[in-house]
């Protein structure tokens, strides 16, 4: 290519600026077509491959695996939770708000499509008032979430969630109560007593400890012998 051809200006201009009519460099064309080929192979492997059974990896599976591993590491801090009343009350306390957000995440992932993001109810009932179906106490929340209710209207989550997720999402659902948010659904079920606000006192143990202490005090007191005839 002669210098005159190389330096030939294109006729059009923009705001007084013109450009040379030079061909695209070979290295730039290689990058362009290489990117197109790579993207095509990427799409075939990750999007079409799983559908055809030729690839066992998907973005969704990778996300679920990473999420499960993260939860396993976090749950190692607290062990496997039992869905009893004392545990639920403990995770309703302000000092455990970080763990309650785990329950909130589970709720937003699996529950808000039926119960709304704020718990006011959509297809499912309002969770922010005092009216409940199939629930009379805190542990019933765990049972309903784990086993389902309403002849399948409420699905069972026992085999889909980690036991800690079941307990923490139950605690989060319990925390929604009392807001009395407006709902598109009428109140359902019946009114139930408020949740306990503190863990039950270990009265029998305290009593035993007190009796033991009294007995110890008595044993430390010198015996007074009756020497009178």
C-alpha atoms as a PDB file:
ATOM      1  CA  UNK A   1       0.000   0.000   0.000  1.00  0.00           C
ATOM      2  CA  UNK A   2       1.440   3.338  -1.050  1.00  0.00           C
ATOM      3  CA  UNK A   3       1.747   6.176   1.401  1.00  0.00           C
ATOM      4  CA  UNK A   4      -0.914   8.100  -0.516  1.00  0.00           C
ATOM      5  CA  UNK A   5      -3.382   5.220  -0.144  1.00  0.00           C
ATOM      6  CA  UNK A   6      -2.482   4.749   3.535  1.00  0.00           C
ATOM      7  CA  UNK A   7      -2.990   8.382   4.345  1.00  0.00           C
ATOM      8  CA  UNK A   8      -6.193   8.745   2.333  1.00  0.00           C
ATOM      9  CA  UNK A   9      -8.883  10.483   4.370  1.00  0.00           C
ATOM     10  CA  UNK A  10     -12.482   9.335   4.368  1.00  0.00           C
ATOM     11  CA  UNK A  11     -14.792  11.937   2.884  1.00  0.00           C
ATOM     12  CA  UNK A  12     -17.116  12.356   5.861  1.00  0.00           C
ATOM     13  CA  UNK A  13     -16.171  14.346   8.936  1.00  0.00           C
ATOM     14  CA  UNK A  14     -17.698  15.104  12.309  1.00  0.00           C
ATOM     15  CA  UNK A  15     -17.224  18.476  13.930  1.00  0.00           C
ATOM     16  CA  UNK A  16     -14.236  19.060  11.691  1.00  0.00           C
ATOM     17  CA  UNK A  17     -12.635  15.707  12.591  1.00  0.00           C
ATOM     18  CA  UNK A  18     -11.764  13.201   9.848  1.00  0.00           C
ATOM     19  CA  UNK A  19     -10.300   9.685   9.923  1.00  0.00           C
ATOM     20  CA  UNK A  20      -7.896   7.767   7.706  1.00  0.00           C
ATOM     21  CA  UNK A  21      -9.207   4.924   5.569  1.00  0.00           C
ATOM     22  CA  UNK A  22      -6.840   2.315   7.069  1.00  0.00           C
ATOM     23  CA  UNK A  23      -7.623  -1.432   7.330  1.00  0.00           C
ATOM     24  CA  UNK A  24      -8.194  -3.065  10.740  1.00  0.00           C
ATOM     25  CA  UNK A  25      -4.908  -4.557  12.051  1.00  0.00           C
ATOM     26  CA  UNK A  26      -4.580  -8.345  11.838  1.00  0.00           C
ATOM     27  CA  UNK A  27      -4.038  -8.747  15.600  1.00  0.00           C
ATOM     28  CA  UNK A  28      -7.306  -6.942  16.333  1.00  0.00           C
ATOM     29  CA  UNK A  29      -9.187  -9.194  13.905  1.00  0.00           C
ATOM     30  CA  UNK A  30      -7.688 -12.255  15.620  1.00  0.00           C
ATOM     31  CA  UNK A  31      -8.893 -11.027  19.023  1.00  0.00           C
ATOM     32  CA  UNK A  32     -12.360 -10.306  17.618  1.00  0.00           C
ATOM     33  CA  UNK A  33     -12.867 -13.682  15.961  1.00  0.00           C
ATOM     34  CA  UNK A  34     -11.195 -15.521  18.851  1.00  0.00           C
ATOM     35  CA  UNK A  35     -13.673 -13.927  21.263  1.00  0.00           C
ATOM     36  CA  UNK A  36     -16.595 -14.958  19.057  1.00  0.00           C
ATOM     37  CA  UNK A  37     -15.380 -18.565  18.883  1.00  0.00           C
ATOM     38  CA  UNK A  38     -14.751 -18.684  22.654  1.00  0.00           C
ATOM     39  CA  UNK A  39     -18.205 -17.300  23.471  1.00  0.00           C
ATOM     40  CA  UNK A  40     -19.838 -19.851  21.168  1.00  0.00           C
ATOM     41  CA  UNK A  41     -17.990 -22.761  22.817  1.00  0.00           C
ATOM     42  CA  UNK A  42     -18.756 -21.335  26.272  1.00  0.00           C
ATOM     43  CA  UNK A  43     -22.472 -21.129  25.470  1.00  0.00           C
ATOM     44  CA  UNK A  44     -22.584 -24.658  24.059  1.00  0.00           C
ATOM     45  CA  UNK A  45     -20.791 -26.152  27.075  1.00  0.00           C
ATOM     46  CA  UNK A  46     -22.489 -24.298  29.933  1.00  0.00           C
ATOM     47  CA  UNK A  47     -25.969 -23.664  28.515  1.00  0.00           C
ATOM     48  CA  UNK A  48     -26.667 -26.402  25.977  1.00  0.00           C
ATOM     49  CA  UNK A  49     -24.423 -29.129  27.438  1.00  0.00           C
ATOM     50  CA  UNK A  50     -26.439 -29.653  30.659  1.00  0.00           C
ATOM     51  CA  UNK A  51     -29.645 -29.963  28.618  1.00  0.00           C
ATOM     52  CA  UNK A  52     -28.078 -32.664  26.445  1.00  0.00           C
ATOM     53  CA  UNK A  53     -26.408 -34.408  29.368  1.00  0.00           C
ATOM     54  CA  UNK A  54     -22.908 -33.829  28.006  1.00  0.00           C
ATOM     55  CA  UNK A  55     -21.926 -31.422  30.788  1.00  0.00           C
ATOM     56  CA  UNK A  56     -22.543 -31.947  34.498  1.00  0.00           C
ATOM     57  CA  UNK A  57     -21.910 -28.376  35.601  1.00  0.00           C
ATOM     58  CA  UNK A  58     -24.257 -25.406  35.587  1.00  0.00           C
ATOM     59  CA  UNK A  59     -24.085 -21.922  37.038  1.00  0.00           C
ATOM     60  CA  UNK A  60     -27.074 -22.724  39.276  1.00  0.00           C
ATOM     61  CA  UNK A  61     -25.390 -25.868  40.601  1.00  0.00           C
ATOM     62  CA  UNK A  62     -22.174 -23.965  41.259  1.00  0.00           C
ATOM     63  CA  UNK A  63     -24.120 -21.300  43.159  1.00  0.00           C
ATOM     64  CA  UNK A  64     -25.991 -23.887  45.225  1.00  0.00           C
ATOM     65  CA  UNK A  65     -22.752 -25.729  46.035  1.00  0.00           C
ATOM     66  CA  UNK A  66     -21.016 -22.511  47.089  1.00  0.00           C
ATOM     67  CA  UNK A  67     -24.026 -21.485  49.167  1.00  0.00           C
ATOM     68  CA  UNK A  68     -24.193 -24.886  50.868  1.00  0.00           C
ATOM     69  CA  UNK A  69     -20.469 -24.810  51.640  1.00  0.00           C
ATOM     70  CA  UNK A  70     -20.752 -21.309  53.090  1.00  0.00           C
ATOM     71  CA  UNK A  71     -23.660 -22.398  55.290  1.00  0.00           C
ATOM     72  CA  UNK A  72     -21.760 -25.482  56.454  1.00  0.00           C
ATOM     73  CA  UNK A  73     -18.851 -23.292  57.542  1.00  0.00           C
ATOM     74  CA  UNK A  74     -21.143 -20.844  59.336  1.00  0.00           C
ATOM     75  CA  UNK A  75     -23.225 -23.564  60.987  1.00  0.00           C
ATOM     76  CA  UNK A  76     -20.039 -25.137  62.345  1.00  0.00           C
ATOM     77  CA  UNK A  77     -19.997 -22.218  64.806  1.00  0.00           C
ATOM     78  CA  UNK A  78     -23.337 -23.161  66.379  1.00  0.00           C
ATOM     79  CA  UNK A  79     -23.663 -26.891  65.701  1.00  0.00           C
ATOM     80  CA  UNK A  80     -26.964 -28.461  64.688  1.00  0.00           C
ATOM     81  CA  UNK A  81     -29.876 -26.556  66.199  1.00  0.00           C
ATOM     82  CA  UNK A  82     -32.913 -28.228  67.701  1.00  0.00           C
ATOM     83  CA  UNK A  83     -36.258 -26.687  66.833  1.00  0.00           C
ATOM     84  CA  UNK A  84     -37.411 -26.493  70.443  1.00  0.00           C
ATOM     85  CA  UNK A  85     -38.922 -23.505  72.204  1.00  0.00           C
ATOM     86  CA  UNK A  86     -35.762 -22.541  74.097  1.00  0.00           C
ATOM     87  CA  UNK A  87     -33.688 -22.486  70.891  1.00  0.00           C
ATOM     88  CA  UNK A  88     -36.249 -20.398  69.019  1.00  0.00           C
ATOM     89  CA  UNK A  89     -36.479 -17.903  71.869  1.00  0.00           C
ATOM     90  CA  UNK A  90     -32.681 -17.674  72.018  1.00  0.00           C
ATOM     91  CA  UNK A  91     -32.435 -16.781  68.327  1.00  0.00           C
ATOM     92  CA  UNK A  92     -35.190 -14.197  68.679  1.00  0.00           C
ATOM     93  CA  UNK A  93     -32.993 -12.215  71.074  1.00  0.00           C
ATOM     94  CA  UNK A  94     -31.217  -9.048  69.799  1.00  0.00           C
ATOM     95  CA  UNK A  95     -27.756 -10.515  70.419  1.00  0.00           C
ATOM     96  CA  UNK A  96     -28.493 -13.191  67.803  1.00  0.00           C
ATOM     97  CA  UNK A  97     -29.752 -10.807  65.122  1.00  0.00           C
ATOM     98  CA  UNK A  98     -26.913 -11.861  62.797  1.00  0.00           C
ATOM     99  CA  UNK A  99     -28.220 -15.427  62.766  1.00  0.00           C
ATOM    100  CA  UNK A 100     -31.783 -14.202  62.353  1.00  0.00           C
ATOM    101  CA  UNK A 101     -30.705 -12.619  59.062  1.00  0.00           C
ATOM    102  CA  UNK A 102     -29.827 -16.139  57.864  1.00  0.00           C
ATOM    103  CA  UNK A 103     -33.457 -17.048  58.530  1.00  0.00           C
ATOM    104  CA  UNK A 104     -34.511 -13.901  56.688  1.00  0.00           C
ATOM    105  CA  UNK A 105     -32.440 -14.965  53.669  1.00  0.00           C
ATOM    106  CA  UNK A 106     -34.087 -18.402  53.678  1.00  0.00           C
ATOM    107  CA  UNK A 107     -37.490 -16.718  53.935  1.00  0.00           C
ATOM    108  CA  UNK A 108     -36.815 -14.376  51.018  1.00  0.00           C
ATOM    109  CA  UNK A 109     -35.534 -17.259  48.909  1.00  0.00           C
ATOM    110  CA  UNK A 110     -38.341 -19.734  49.531  1.00  0.00           C
ATOM    111  CA  UNK A 111     -41.281 -18.084  51.318  1.00  0.00           C
ATOM    112  CA  UNK A 112     -41.918 -14.556  50.109  1.00  0.00           C
ATOM    113  CA  UNK A 113     -43.541 -15.671  46.850  1.00  0.00           C
ATOM    114  CA  UNK A 114     -46.521 -16.904  48.914  1.00  0.00           C
ATOM    115  CA  UNK A 115     -46.316 -14.813  52.092  1.00  0.00           C
ATOM    116  CA  UNK A 116     -44.922 -11.518  50.643  1.00  0.00           C
ATOM    117  CA  UNK A 117     -41.516 -10.026  51.391  1.00  0.00           C
ATOM    118  CA  UNK A 118     -42.809  -8.352  54.563  1.00  0.00           C
ATOM    119  CA  UNK A 119     -44.911 -11.334  55.679  1.00  0.00           C
ATOM    120  CA  UNK A 120     -48.273  -9.669  55.022  1.00  0.00           C
ATOM    121  CA  UNK A 121     -49.495 -12.580  52.897  1.00  0.00           C
ATOM    122  CA  UNK A 122     -50.284 -13.190  49.234  1.00  0.00           C
ATOM    123  CA  UNK A 123     -51.260 -16.733  48.359  1.00  0.00           C
ATOM    124  CA  UNK A 124     -50.329 -17.767  51.890  1.00  0.00           C
ATOM    125  CA  UNK A 125     -51.714 -16.225  55.089  1.00  0.00           C
ATOM    126  CA  UNK A 126     -50.578 -13.049  56.820  1.00  0.00           C
ATOM    127  CA  UNK A 127     -47.710 -13.792  59.232  1.00  0.00           C
ATOM    128  CA  UNK A 128     -47.681 -10.406  60.952  1.00  0.00           C
ATOM    129  CA  UNK A 129     -50.882 -10.641  63.011  1.00  0.00           C
ATOM    130  CA  UNK A 130     -52.029 -12.882  65.883  1.00  0.00           C
ATOM    131  CA  UNK A 131     -54.197 -15.226  63.785  1.00  0.00           C
ATOM    132  CA  UNK A 132     -52.629 -18.565  62.881  1.00  0.00           C
ATOM    133  CA  UNK A 133     -53.659 -21.800  61.240  1.00  0.00           C
ATOM    134  CA  UNK A 134     -52.067 -25.061  62.433  1.00  0.00           C
ATOM    135  CA  UNK A 135     -49.910 -23.087  64.890  1.00  0.00           C
ATOM    136  CA  UNK A 136     -50.458 -22.663  68.619  1.00  0.00           C
ATOM    137  CA  UNK A 137     -46.883 -22.255  69.868  1.00  0.00           C
ATOM    138  CA  UNK A 138     -43.357 -21.616  68.613  1.00  0.00           C
ATOM    139  CA  UNK A 139     -42.489 -25.240  67.965  1.00  0.00           C
ATOM    140  CA  UNK A 140     -45.550 -25.581  65.727  1.00  0.00           C
ATOM    141  CA  UNK A 141     -43.873 -23.131  63.339  1.00  0.00           C
ATOM    142  CA  UNK A 142     -40.970 -25.537  62.884  1.00  0.00           C
ATOM    143  CA  UNK A 143     -43.377 -28.442  62.410  1.00  0.00           C
ATOM    144  CA  UNK A 144     -45.485 -26.661  59.774  1.00  0.00           C
ATOM    145  CA  UNK A 145     -42.448 -25.470  57.809  1.00  0.00           C
ATOM    146  CA  UNK A 146     -40.793 -28.891  57.988  1.00  0.00           C
ATOM    147  CA  UNK A 147     -43.848 -31.052  57.291  1.00  0.00           C
ATOM    148  CA  UNK A 148     -46.125 -28.703  55.362  1.00  0.00           C
ATOM    149  CA  UNK A 149     -49.823 -28.024  55.932  1.00  0.00           C
ATOM    150  CA  UNK A 150     -53.121 -27.447  54.190  1.00  0.00           C
ATOM    151  CA  UNK A 151     -53.055 -30.737  52.254  1.00  0.00           C
ATOM    152  CA  UNK A 152     -49.998 -29.646  50.307  1.00  0.00           C
ATOM    153  CA  UNK A 153     -50.880 -25.963  49.943  1.00  0.00           C
ATOM    154  CA  UNK A 154     -47.939 -25.310  52.260  1.00  0.00           C
ATOM    155  CA  UNK A 155     -45.092 -27.526  50.961  1.00  0.00           C
ATOM    156  CA  UNK A 156     -42.836 -29.520  53.265  1.00  0.00           C
ATOM    157  CA  UNK A 157     -39.272 -28.219  53.511  1.00  0.00           C
ATOM    158  CA  UNK A 158     -37.697 -30.884  55.722  1.00  0.00           C
ATOM    159  CA  UNK A 159     -35.788 -32.504  52.860  1.00  0.00           C
ATOM    160  CA  UNK A 160     -34.926 -29.229  51.131  1.00  0.00           C
ATOM    161  CA  UNK A 161     -33.433 -27.211  53.977  1.00  0.00           C
ATOM    162  CA  UNK A 162     -30.663 -27.802  56.502  1.00  0.00           C
ATOM    163  CA  UNK A 163     -32.050 -28.353  60.052  1.00  0.00           C
ATOM    164  CA  UNK A 164     -30.469 -25.049  61.089  1.00  0.00           C
ATOM    165  CA  UNK A 165     -32.189 -23.288  58.198  1.00  0.00           C
ATOM    166  CA  UNK A 166     -35.516 -24.721  59.368  1.00  0.00           C
ATOM    167  CA  UNK A 167     -34.943 -23.448  62.897  1.00  0.00           C
ATOM    168  CA  UNK A 168     -33.670 -20.016  61.875  1.00  0.00           C
ATOM    169  CA  UNK A 169     -36.404 -19.376  59.311  1.00  0.00           C
ATOM    170  CA  UNK A 170     -38.954 -20.417  61.956  1.00  0.00           C
ATOM    171  CA  UNK A 171     -37.438 -17.870  64.337  1.00  0.00           C
ATOM    172  CA  UNK A 172     -37.577 -15.223  61.609  1.00  0.00           C
ATOM    173  CA  UNK A 173     -41.237 -15.987  60.863  1.00  0.00           C
ATOM    174  CA  UNK A 174     -41.951 -15.700  64.593  1.00  0.00           C
ATOM    175  CA  UNK A 175     -40.244 -12.285  64.611  1.00  0.00           C
ATOM    176  CA  UNK A 176     -42.677 -10.972  61.973  1.00  0.00           C
ATOM    177  CA  UNK A 177     -45.604 -11.289  64.353  1.00  0.00           C
ATOM    178  CA  UNK A 178     -46.991  -8.151  65.955  1.00  0.00           C
ATOM    179  CA  UNK A 179     -46.543  -5.784  63.009  1.00  0.00           C
ATOM    180  CA  UNK A 180     -50.193  -6.231  61.941  1.00  0.00           C
ATOM    181  CA  UNK A 181     -49.515  -5.169  58.361  1.00  0.00           C
ATOM    182  CA  UNK A 182     -52.432  -4.717  55.948  1.00  0.00           C
ATOM    183  CA  UNK A 183     -53.002  -7.819  53.862  1.00  0.00           C
ATOM    184  CA  UNK A 184     -54.947  -8.696  50.711  1.00  0.00           C
ATOM    185  CA  UNK A 185     -56.167 -11.779  52.598  1.00  0.00           C
ATOM    186  CA  UNK A 186     -58.622 -11.787  55.504  1.00  0.00           C
ATOM    187  CA  UNK A 187     -57.478 -13.037  58.893  1.00  0.00           C
ATOM    188  CA  UNK A 188     -57.300 -16.833  58.977  1.00  0.00           C
ATOM    189  CA  UNK A 189     -57.257 -19.369  61.775  1.00  0.00           C
ATOM    190  CA  UNK A 190     -57.582 -18.250  65.371  1.00  0.00           C
ATOM    191  CA  UNK A 191     -55.829 -15.879  67.725  1.00  0.00           C
ATOM    192  CA  UNK A 192     -53.133 -17.517  69.827  1.00  0.00           C
ATOM    193  CA  UNK A 193     -51.264 -16.385  72.960  1.00  0.00           C
ATOM    194  CA  UNK A 194     -48.139 -14.225  72.517  1.00  0.00           C
ATOM    195  CA  UNK A 195     -44.782 -15.921  72.057  1.00  0.00           C
ATOM    196  CA  UNK A 196     -42.725 -16.357  75.226  1.00  0.00           C
ATOM    197  CA  UNK A 197     -40.194 -13.551  75.536  1.00  0.00           C
ATOM    198  CA  UNK A 198     -37.654 -15.346  77.710  1.00  0.00           C
ATOM    199  CA  UNK A 199     -36.366 -18.867  78.040  1.00  0.00           C
ATOM    200  CA  UNK A 200     -38.063 -20.926  80.752  1.00  0.00           C
ATOM    201  CA  UNK A 201     -36.353 -20.775  84.143  1.00  0.00           C
ATOM    202  CA  UNK A 202     -34.717 -23.958  85.301  1.00  0.00           C
ATOM    203  CA  UNK A 203     -36.695 -23.879  88.516  1.00  0.00           C
ATOM    204  CA  UNK A 204     -36.154 -27.546  89.483  1.00  0.00           C
ATOM    205  CA  UNK A 205     -32.387 -27.199  89.091  1.00  0.00           C
ATOM    206  CA  UNK A 206     -32.375 -23.948  91.050  1.00  0.00           C
ATOM    207  CA  UNK A 207     -34.407 -25.636  93.756  1.00  0.00           C
ATOM    208  CA  UNK A 208     -32.038 -28.598  93.859  1.00  0.00           C
ATOM    209  CA  UNK A 209     -29.066 -26.259  94.046  1.00  0.00           C
ATOM    210  CA  UNK A 210     -30.727 -24.362  96.892  1.00  0.00           C
ATOM    211  CA  UNK A 211     -31.473 -27.578  98.770  1.00  0.00           C
ATOM    212  CA  UNK A 212     -27.901 -28.751  98.256  1.00  0.00           C
ATOM    213  CA  UNK A 213     -26.597 -25.432  99.541  1.00  0.00           C
ATOM    214  CA  UNK A 214     -28.862 -25.608 102.592  1.00  0.00           C
ATOM    215  CA  UNK A 215     -27.742 -29.133 103.309  1.00  0.00           C
ATOM    216  CA  UNK A 216     -24.117 -28.072 102.977  1.00  0.00           C
ATOM    217  CA  UNK A 217     -24.665 -25.164 105.350  1.00  0.00           C
ATOM    218  CA  UNK A 218     -26.289 -27.461 107.873  1.00  0.00           C
ATOM    219  CA  UNK A 219     -23.454 -29.961 107.624  1.00  0.00           C
ATOM    220  CA  UNK A 220     -20.934 -27.197 108.285  1.00  0.00           C
ATOM    221  CA  UNK A 221     -22.777 -26.114 111.454  1.00  0.00           C
ATOM    222  CA  UNK A 222     -21.408 -27.854 114.572  1.00  0.00           C
ATOM    223  CA  UNK A 223     -23.940 -30.139 116.174  1.00  0.00           C
ATOM    224  CA  UNK A 224     -25.145 -29.070 119.642  1.00  0.00           C
ATOM    225  CA  UNK A 225     -25.404 -32.076 121.892  1.00  0.00           C
ATOM    226  CA  UNK A 226     -28.126 -32.181 124.500  1.00  0.00           C
ATOM    227  CA  UNK A 227     -26.221 -33.079 127.648  1.00  0.00           C
ATOM    228  CA  UNK A 228     -29.025 -32.415 130.063  1.00  0.00           C
ATOM    229  CA  UNK A 229     -30.394 -35.483 131.775  1.00  0.00           C
END
